[in-house]
Amino acid sequence: MHGIMLVNQAGETVASVGWDHLDGDVAMFGGFVSAVQMFVGRVASGTEVKDLSFGDMRLVLGKSGEYHVVTLHEADATNALSENQEVVKLLADNDGALNEGILDLIQEIVSRNKGDSEKIGESVKEWTESQMDKAKKSASDWGKTVF
């Protein structure tokens, strides 16, 4: 596992560990996760996204109380779901308390199997750029249709 992010229901990133090597705004990413979950929940009657894959990376999303637990893994990681659930259980066992001790335990989880951070950063950057290109094209097409 390369990183853990906790996002509340309002889309605010309340904690992130191991994401500091990535280009981008973790606060904005937290809003993205919350928006995706809200959209899918409305469209698919309460269903939630469990994981997203892009390039060589995979995000696994879990839920613990009021938090979305987002973990970052290599795409072929066979233990990605169990590692995500380890953080979910840690929060559940502590009634969702987010204090220095819990954050230290989360840091230990990330540190014990930290991989090549440059590879992760490049994968996330490439995926983000491709999504922005798609969004720009869609907006342009929409503008041509409407106007």
N, C-alpha and C. Protein backbone atom coordinates (compact mmCIF):
# COMPACT_ATOMS: atom_id res chain seq x y z
N MET A 1 0.85 -1.17 0.00
CA MET A 1 0.00 0.00 0.00
C MET A 1 0.89 1.23 0.00
N HIS A 2 0.49 2.22 -0.78
CA HIS A 2 1.32 3.41 -0.92
C HIS A 2 0.75 4.64 -0.24
N GLY A 3 -0.54 4.64 0.07
CA GLY A 3 -1.13 5.79 0.72
C GLY A 3 -2.53 5.50 1.23
N ILE A 4 -2.92 6.25 2.23
CA ILE A 4 -4.26 6.15 2.82
C ILE A 4 -4.81 7.56 2.94
N MET A 5 -6.08 7.71 2.58
CA MET A 5 -6.76 8.99 2.72
C MET A 5 -8.11 8.74 3.38
N LEU A 6 -8.47 9.60 4.32
CA LEU A 6 -9.79 9.54 4.95
C LEU A 6 -10.56 10.77 4.53
N VAL A 7 -11.75 10.54 3.98
CA VAL A 7 -12.59 11.61 3.46
C VAL A 7 -13.94 11.54 4.17
N ASN A 8 -14.42 12.68 4.68
CA ASN A 8 -15.73 12.66 5.35
C ASN A 8 -16.86 12.77 4.34
N GLN A 9 -18.09 12.70 4.82
CA GLN A 9 -19.26 12.72 3.94
C GLN A 9 -19.37 14.01 3.14
N ALA A 10 -18.82 15.09 3.68
CA ALA A 10 -18.88 16.38 2.98
C ALA A 10 -17.81 16.50 1.90
N GLY A 11 -16.97 15.48 1.76
CA GLY A 11 -15.93 15.52 0.74
C GLY A 11 -14.63 16.16 1.19
N GLU A 12 -14.51 16.40 2.49
CA GLU A 12 -13.29 17.01 3.03
C GLU A 12 -12.29 15.92 3.37
N THR A 13 -11.06 16.10 2.93
CA THR A 13 -9.99 15.17 3.29
C THR A 13 -9.58 15.51 4.71
N VAL A 14 -9.85 14.58 5.64
CA VAL A 14 -9.55 14.85 7.05
C VAL A 14 -8.19 14.30 7.46
N ALA A 15 -7.65 13.36 6.70
CA ALA A 15 -6.31 12.83 6.97
C ALA A 15 -5.79 12.18 5.70
N SER A 16 -4.50 12.31 5.48
CA SER A 16 -3.86 11.61 4.37
C SER A 16 -2.44 11.27 4.78
N VAL A 17 -2.08 10.03 4.49
CA VAL A 17 -0.75 9.54 4.81
C VAL A 17 -0.20 8.89 3.55
N GLY A 18 1.00 9.29 3.16
CA GLY A 18 1.65 8.66 2.01
C GLY A 18 1.28 9.27 0.67
N TRP A 19 0.54 10.36 0.66
CA TRP A 19 0.14 11.00 -0.59
C TRP A 19 1.00 12.22 -0.88
N ASP A 20 1.91 12.55 0.01
CA ASP A 20 2.71 13.77 -0.12
C ASP A 20 3.62 13.76 -1.34
N HIS A 21 3.94 12.59 -1.90
CA HIS A 21 4.82 12.51 -3.06
C HIS A 21 4.07 12.69 -4.37
N LEU A 22 2.76 12.85 -4.30
CA LEU A 22 1.95 12.99 -5.52
C LEU A 22 1.72 14.46 -5.85
N ASP A 23 1.75 14.76 -7.14
CA ASP A 23 1.36 16.10 -7.57
C ASP A 23 -0.15 16.17 -7.47
N GLY A 24 -0.66 17.23 -6.95
CA GLY A 24 -2.11 17.37 -6.87
C GLY A 24 -2.54 17.77 -5.49
N ASP A 25 -3.78 18.10 -5.41
CA ASP A 25 -4.37 18.61 -4.18
C ASP A 25 -5.20 17.51 -3.53
N VAL A 26 -4.77 17.03 -2.35
CA VAL A 26 -5.52 15.96 -1.69
C VAL A 26 -6.91 16.42 -1.27
N ALA A 27 -7.07 17.70 -1.01
CA ALA A 27 -8.40 18.21 -0.65
C ALA A 27 -9.35 18.07 -1.85
N MET A 28 -8.86 18.40 -3.03
CA MET A 28 -9.68 18.28 -4.23
C MET A 28 -9.98 16.81 -4.52
N PHE A 29 -9.01 15.96 -4.30
CA PHE A 29 -9.20 14.54 -4.54
C PHE A 29 -10.26 13.98 -3.59
N GLY A 30 -10.27 14.44 -2.35
CA GLY A 30 -11.29 14.01 -1.40
C GLY A 30 -12.68 14.38 -1.88
N GLY A 31 -12.83 15.57 -2.44
CA GLY A 31 -14.11 15.99 -3.00
C GLY A 31 -14.52 15.11 -4.17
N PHE A 32 -13.54 14.72 -4.98
CA PHE A 32 -13.80 13.82 -6.12
C PHE A 32 -14.34 12.48 -5.62
N VAL A 33 -13.69 11.90 -4.62
CA VAL A 33 -14.12 10.61 -4.08
C VAL A 33 -15.55 10.70 -3.55
N SER A 34 -15.82 11.74 -2.79
CA SER A 34 -17.16 11.91 -2.23
C SER A 34 -18.20 12.09 -3.33
N ALA A 35 -17.88 12.88 -4.34
CA ALA A 35 -18.82 13.11 -5.44
C ALA A 35 -19.10 11.83 -6.23
N VAL A 36 -18.06 11.04 -6.48
CA VAL A 36 -18.25 9.78 -7.20
C VAL A 36 -19.16 8.85 -6.39
N GLN A 37 -18.90 8.74 -5.10
CA GLN A 37 -19.71 7.86 -4.26
C GLN A 37 -21.16 8.34 -4.21
N MET A 38 -21.36 9.65 -4.11
CA MET A 38 -22.71 10.20 -4.06
C MET A 38 -23.44 9.93 -5.39
N PHE A 39 -22.76 10.17 -6.49
CA PHE A 39 -23.36 9.95 -7.81
C PHE A 39 -23.74 8.48 -8.00
N VAL A 40 -22.81 7.58 -7.75
CA VAL A 40 -23.07 6.15 -7.93
C VAL A 40 -24.18 5.70 -6.98
N GLY A 41 -24.19 6.20 -5.76
CA GLY A 41 -25.23 5.84 -4.81
C GLY A 41 -26.62 6.24 -5.28
N ARG A 42 -26.73 7.37 -5.92
CA ARG A 42 -28.04 7.82 -6.43
C ARG A 42 -28.45 7.09 -7.69
N VAL A 43 -27.49 6.87 -8.59
CA VAL A 43 -27.79 6.22 -9.85
C VAL A 43 -28.05 4.72 -9.66
N ALA A 44 -27.30 4.10 -8.77
CA ALA A 44 -27.38 2.64 -8.61
C ALA A 44 -27.96 2.24 -7.25
N SER A 45 -28.87 3.04 -6.73
CA SER A 45 -29.62 2.72 -5.52
C SER A 45 -28.76 2.25 -4.34
N GLY A 46 -27.93 3.12 -3.85
CA GLY A 46 -27.16 2.83 -2.65
C GLY A 46 -25.85 2.08 -2.87
N THR A 47 -25.54 1.73 -4.10
CA THR A 47 -24.28 1.05 -4.39
C THR A 47 -23.12 2.02 -4.22
N GLU A 48 -21.96 1.51 -3.85
CA GLU A 48 -20.76 2.34 -3.74
C GLU A 48 -19.65 1.79 -4.62
N VAL A 49 -18.78 2.66 -5.08
CA VAL A 49 -17.60 2.25 -5.85
C VAL A 49 -16.65 1.57 -4.87
N LYS A 50 -16.13 0.40 -5.25
CA LYS A 50 -15.21 -0.34 -4.39
C LYS A 50 -13.75 -0.13 -4.80
N ASP A 51 -13.50 0.06 -6.10
CA ASP A 51 -12.15 0.37 -6.52
C ASP A 51 -12.14 1.04 -7.89
N LEU A 52 -11.06 1.74 -8.14
CA LEU A 52 -10.82 2.41 -9.42
C LEU A 52 -9.41 2.06 -9.85
N SER A 53 -9.24 1.70 -11.10
CA SER A 53 -7.91 1.39 -11.62
C SER A 53 -7.53 2.41 -12.68
N PHE A 54 -6.27 2.79 -12.69
CA PHE A 54 -5.76 3.71 -13.69
C PHE A 54 -4.27 3.48 -13.83
N GLY A 55 -3.86 3.26 -15.07
CA GLY A 55 -2.44 2.99 -15.31
C GLY A 55 -1.96 1.81 -14.49
N ASP A 56 -0.90 2.01 -13.76
CA ASP A 56 -0.32 0.97 -12.91
C ASP A 56 -0.84 1.03 -11.48
N MET A 57 -1.85 1.84 -11.25
CA MET A 57 -2.31 2.07 -9.88
C MET A 57 -3.77 1.66 -9.69
N ARG A 58 -4.11 1.44 -8.44
CA ARG A 58 -5.48 1.05 -8.08
C ARG A 58 -5.85 1.73 -6.77
N LEU A 59 -7.02 2.34 -6.75
CA LEU A 59 -7.58 2.91 -5.53
C LEU A 59 -8.63 1.94 -5.01
N VAL A 60 -8.58 1.63 -3.74
CA VAL A 60 -9.60 0.80 -3.11
C VAL A 60 -10.33 1.69 -2.12
N LEU A 61 -11.67 1.66 -2.20
CA LEU A 61 -12.49 2.50 -1.35
C LEU A 61 -13.30 1.65 -0.40
N GLY A 62 -13.21 1.99 0.86
CA GLY A 62 -13.99 1.33 1.90
C GLY A 62 -14.74 2.38 2.70
N LYS A 63 -15.52 1.94 3.67
CA LYS A 63 -16.32 2.87 4.46
C LYS A 63 -16.22 2.48 5.92
N SER A 64 -15.97 3.44 6.78
CA SER A 64 -15.96 3.22 8.21
C SER A 64 -16.65 4.40 8.87
N GLY A 65 -17.85 4.18 9.34
CA GLY A 65 -18.60 5.26 9.96
C GLY A 65 -18.81 6.39 8.98
N GLU A 66 -18.34 7.57 9.36
CA GLU A 66 -18.53 8.74 8.51
C GLU A 66 -17.42 8.91 7.47
N TYR A 67 -16.45 8.01 7.44
CA TYR A 67 -15.30 8.19 6.56
C TYR A 67 -15.31 7.23 5.37
N HIS A 68 -14.90 7.78 4.21
CA HIS A 68 -14.52 6.96 3.07
C HIS A 68 -13.03 6.69 3.29
N VAL A 69 -12.63 5.44 3.25
CA VAL A 69 -11.24 5.06 3.43
C VAL A 69 -10.69 4.73 2.04
N VAL A 70 -9.77 5.55 1.56
CA VAL A 70 -9.21 5.40 0.22
C VAL A 70 -7.76 4.96 0.37
N THR A 71 -7.43 3.81 -0.22
CA THR A 71 -6.05 3.34 -0.17
C THR A 71 -5.51 3.22 -1.59
N LEU A 72 -4.24 3.51 -1.75
CA LEU A 72 -3.57 3.52 -3.05
C LEU A 72 -2.61 2.33 -3.13
N HIS A 73 -2.75 1.54 -4.20
CA HIS A 73 -1.97 0.31 -4.38
C HIS A 73 -1.48 0.22 -5.81
N GLU A 74 -0.54 -0.70 -6.03
CA GLU A 74 -0.18 -1.04 -7.40
C GLU A 74 -1.34 -1.85 -7.97
N ALA A 75 -1.57 -1.75 -9.28
CA ALA A 75 -2.73 -2.38 -9.93
C ALA A 75 -2.78 -3.88 -9.69
N ASP A 76 -1.66 -4.53 -9.61
CA ASP A 76 -1.65 -5.99 -9.46
C ASP A 76 -1.52 -6.46 -8.00
N ALA A 77 -1.68 -5.56 -7.05
CA ALA A 77 -1.58 -5.93 -5.64
C ALA A 77 -2.71 -6.89 -5.27
N THR A 78 -2.35 -8.06 -4.81
CA THR A 78 -3.37 -9.07 -4.48
C THR A 78 -3.98 -8.85 -3.10
N ASN A 79 -3.33 -8.07 -2.27
CA ASN A 79 -3.82 -7.84 -0.91
C ASN A 79 -4.43 -6.45 -0.72
N ALA A 80 -4.76 -5.77 -1.80
CA ALA A 80 -5.26 -4.39 -1.72
C ALA A 80 -6.54 -4.30 -0.89
N LEU A 81 -7.50 -5.17 -1.14
CA LEU A 81 -8.76 -5.12 -0.40
C LEU A 81 -8.55 -5.40 1.08
N SER A 82 -7.73 -6.38 1.41
CA SER A 82 -7.50 -6.69 2.83
C SER A 82 -6.78 -5.56 3.54
N GLU A 83 -5.87 -4.88 2.86
CA GLU A 83 -5.18 -3.74 3.47
C GLU A 83 -6.15 -2.59 3.71
N ASN A 84 -7.05 -2.34 2.74
CA ASN A 84 -8.06 -1.30 2.92
C ASN A 84 -8.94 -1.65 4.12
N GLN A 85 -9.37 -2.90 4.20
CA GLN A 85 -10.24 -3.33 5.28
C GLN A 85 -9.55 -3.29 6.65
N GLU A 86 -8.23 -3.41 6.65
CA GLU A 86 -7.46 -3.28 7.89
C GLU A 86 -7.63 -1.87 8.47
N VAL A 87 -7.60 -0.87 7.60
CA VAL A 87 -7.78 0.51 8.06
C VAL A 87 -9.24 0.73 8.48
N VAL A 88 -10.19 0.19 7.71
CA VAL A 88 -11.61 0.29 8.05
C VAL A 88 -11.84 -0.29 9.45
N LYS A 89 -11.27 -1.47 9.71
CA LYS A 89 -11.44 -2.12 11.01
C LYS A 89 -10.77 -1.32 12.12
N LEU A 90 -9.60 -0.78 11.85
CA LEU A 90 -8.90 0.04 12.84
C LEU A 90 -9.78 1.21 13.28
N LEU A 91 -10.40 1.88 12.32
CA LEU A 91 -11.29 3.00 12.66
C LEU A 91 -12.53 2.51 13.39
N ALA A 92 -13.13 1.42 12.92
CA ALA A 92 -14.34 0.89 13.55
C ALA A 92 -14.06 0.46 14.99
N ASP A 93 -12.92 -0.17 15.22
CA ASP A 93 -12.57 -0.62 16.57
C ASP A 93 -12.34 0.54 17.53
N ASN A 94 -12.10 1.72 16.98
CA ASN A 94 -11.86 2.91 17.81
C ASN A 94 -12.99 3.91 17.68
N ASP A 95 -14.18 3.42 17.32
CA ASP A 95 -15.39 4.24 17.20
C ASP A 95 -15.21 5.45 16.31
N GLY A 96 -14.37 5.32 15.28
CA GLY A 96 -14.17 6.39 14.32
C GLY A 96 -13.33 7.54 14.85
N ALA A 97 -12.74 7.34 16.04
CA ALA A 97 -11.91 8.40 16.62
C ALA A 97 -10.67 8.61 15.75
N LEU A 98 -10.40 9.84 15.44
CA LEU A 98 -9.24 10.16 14.62
C LEU A 98 -8.32 11.03 15.46
N ASN A 99 -7.36 10.38 16.11
CA ASN A 99 -6.44 11.10 16.99
C ASN A 99 -5.01 10.76 16.59
N GLU A 100 -4.07 11.30 17.31
CA GLU A 100 -2.65 11.11 17.00
C GLU A 100 -2.25 9.64 16.99
N GLY A 101 -2.77 8.87 17.95
CA GLY A 101 -2.46 7.45 18.02
C GLY A 101 -2.95 6.69 16.80
N ILE A 102 -4.17 6.98 16.37
CA ILE A 102 -4.72 6.31 15.18
C ILE A 102 -3.93 6.71 13.95
N LEU A 103 -3.60 7.98 13.82
CA LEU A 103 -2.81 8.44 12.67
C LEU A 103 -1.43 7.80 12.65
N ASP A 104 -0.84 7.59 13.84
CA ASP A 104 0.46 6.89 13.90
C ASP A 104 0.33 5.46 13.42
N LEU A 105 -0.75 4.77 13.82
CA LEU A 105 -0.97 3.40 13.37
C LEU A 105 -1.18 3.34 11.85
N ILE A 106 -1.91 4.31 11.32
CA ILE A 106 -2.13 4.38 9.87
C ILE A 106 -0.80 4.61 9.16
N GLN A 107 0.03 5.49 9.71
CA GLN A 107 1.36 5.75 9.13
C GLN A 107 2.19 4.46 9.11
N GLU A 108 2.10 3.66 10.17
CA GLU A 108 2.83 2.39 10.22
C GLU A 108 2.36 1.43 9.13
N ILE A 109 1.05 1.40 8.89
CA ILE A 109 0.50 0.52 7.86
C ILE A 109 1.08 0.90 6.50
N VAL A 110 1.13 2.18 6.21
CA VAL A 110 1.67 2.65 4.92
C VAL A 110 3.17 2.38 4.86
N SER A 111 3.87 2.64 5.93
CA SER A 111 5.34 2.51 5.93
C SER A 111 5.82 1.09 5.76
N ARG A 112 5.06 0.12 6.25
CA ARG A 112 5.57 -1.25 6.23
C ARG A 112 5.64 -1.85 4.83
N ASN A 113 4.94 -1.26 3.87
CA ASN A 113 5.04 -1.80 2.51
C ASN A 113 4.99 -0.69 1.47
N LYS A 114 5.75 0.34 1.73
CA LYS A 114 5.83 1.47 0.82
C LYS A 114 6.63 1.10 -0.42
N GLY A 115 6.12 1.43 -1.59
CA GLY A 115 6.79 1.09 -2.85
C GLY A 115 7.45 2.29 -3.47
N ASP A 116 7.62 2.24 -4.75
CA ASP A 116 8.30 3.27 -5.53
C ASP A 116 7.38 4.48 -5.71
N SER A 117 7.59 5.52 -4.94
CA SER A 117 6.69 6.67 -4.96
C SER A 117 6.72 7.43 -6.28
N GLU A 118 7.85 7.43 -6.99
CA GLU A 118 7.90 8.12 -8.28
C GLU A 118 6.98 7.44 -9.29
N LYS A 119 6.94 6.12 -9.29
CA LYS A 119 6.08 5.37 -10.20
C LYS A 119 4.62 5.71 -9.93
N ILE A 120 4.26 5.78 -8.68
CA ILE A 120 2.88 6.11 -8.30
C ILE A 120 2.54 7.52 -8.76
N GLY A 121 3.42 8.45 -8.48
CA GLY A 121 3.18 9.83 -8.86
C GLY A 121 2.97 9.98 -10.35
N GLU A 122 3.78 9.30 -11.15
CA GLU A 122 3.63 9.37 -12.60
C GLU A 122 2.30 8.77 -13.06
N SER A 123 1.91 7.63 -12.48
CA SER A 123 0.64 7.00 -12.86
C SER A 123 -0.54 7.90 -12.55
N VAL A 124 -0.53 8.49 -11.36
CA VAL A 124 -1.63 9.38 -10.98
C VAL A 124 -1.65 10.61 -11.87
N LYS A 125 -0.48 11.16 -12.15
CA LYS A 125 -0.39 12.35 -13.00
C LYS A 125 -0.92 12.06 -14.41
N GLU A 126 -0.51 10.91 -14.99
CA GLU A 126 -0.97 10.55 -16.32
C GLU A 126 -2.48 10.36 -16.36
N TRP A 127 -3.02 9.68 -15.36
CA TRP A 127 -4.46 9.45 -15.29
C TRP A 127 -5.22 10.77 -15.15
N THR A 128 -4.73 11.65 -14.28
CA THR A 128 -5.38 12.94 -14.08
C THR A 128 -5.38 13.75 -15.37
N GLU A 129 -4.25 13.77 -16.06
CA GLU A 129 -4.17 14.52 -17.32
C GLU A 129 -5.13 13.95 -18.36
N SER A 130 -5.24 12.62 -18.43
CA SER A 130 -6.15 12.01 -19.41
C SER A 130 -7.60 12.33 -19.07
N GLN A 131 -7.93 12.36 -17.79
CA GLN A 131 -9.29 12.69 -17.38
C GLN A 131 -9.61 14.16 -17.67
N MET A 132 -8.63 15.04 -17.47
CA MET A 132 -8.83 16.46 -17.78
C MET A 132 -9.03 16.65 -19.28
N ASP A 133 -8.26 15.94 -20.10
CA ASP A 133 -8.41 16.04 -21.55
C ASP A 133 -9.81 15.59 -21.97
N LYS A 134 -10.30 14.49 -21.39
CA LYS A 134 -11.65 14.01 -21.70
C LYS A 134 -12.70 15.03 -21.27
N ALA A 135 -12.51 15.61 -20.09
CA ALA A 135 -13.48 16.60 -19.60
C ALA A 135 -13.49 17.84 -20.49
N LYS A 136 -12.33 18.30 -20.94
CA LYS A 136 -12.26 19.46 -21.82
C LYS A 136 -12.96 19.17 -23.14
N LYS A 137 -12.74 17.98 -23.70
CA LYS A 137 -13.38 17.62 -24.96
C LYS A 137 -14.89 17.55 -24.79
N SER A 138 -15.34 16.94 -23.71
CA SER A 138 -16.78 16.84 -23.45
C SER A 138 -17.41 18.23 -23.30
N ALA A 139 -16.73 19.11 -22.59
CA ALA A 139 -17.24 20.47 -22.41
C ALA A 139 -17.29 21.21 -23.74
N SER A 140 -16.27 21.02 -24.55
CA SER A 140 -16.24 21.65 -25.87
C SER A 140 -17.38 21.13 -26.75
N ASP A 141 -17.55 19.80 -26.76
CA ASP A 141 -18.64 19.21 -27.55
C ASP A 141 -20.00 19.71 -27.07
N TRP A 142 -20.17 19.79 -25.76
CA TRP A 142 -21.42 20.27 -25.20
C TRP A 142 -21.66 21.73 -25.61
N GLY A 143 -20.60 22.54 -25.53
CA GLY A 143 -20.72 23.94 -25.93
C GLY A 143 -21.11 24.11 -27.38
N LYS A 144 -20.55 23.28 -28.26
CA LYS A 144 -20.89 23.35 -29.67
C LYS A 144 -22.34 22.95 -29.90
N THR A 145 -22.82 21.99 -29.14
CA THR A 145 -24.21 21.53 -29.28
C THR A 145 -25.19 22.58 -28.77
N VAL A 146 -24.89 23.17 -27.63
CA VAL A 146 -25.81 24.13 -27.01
C VAL A 146 -25.78 25.48 -27.72
N PHE A 147 -24.61 25.92 -28.13
CA PHE A 147 -24.50 27.24 -28.72
C PHE A 147 -24.30 27.11 -30.20
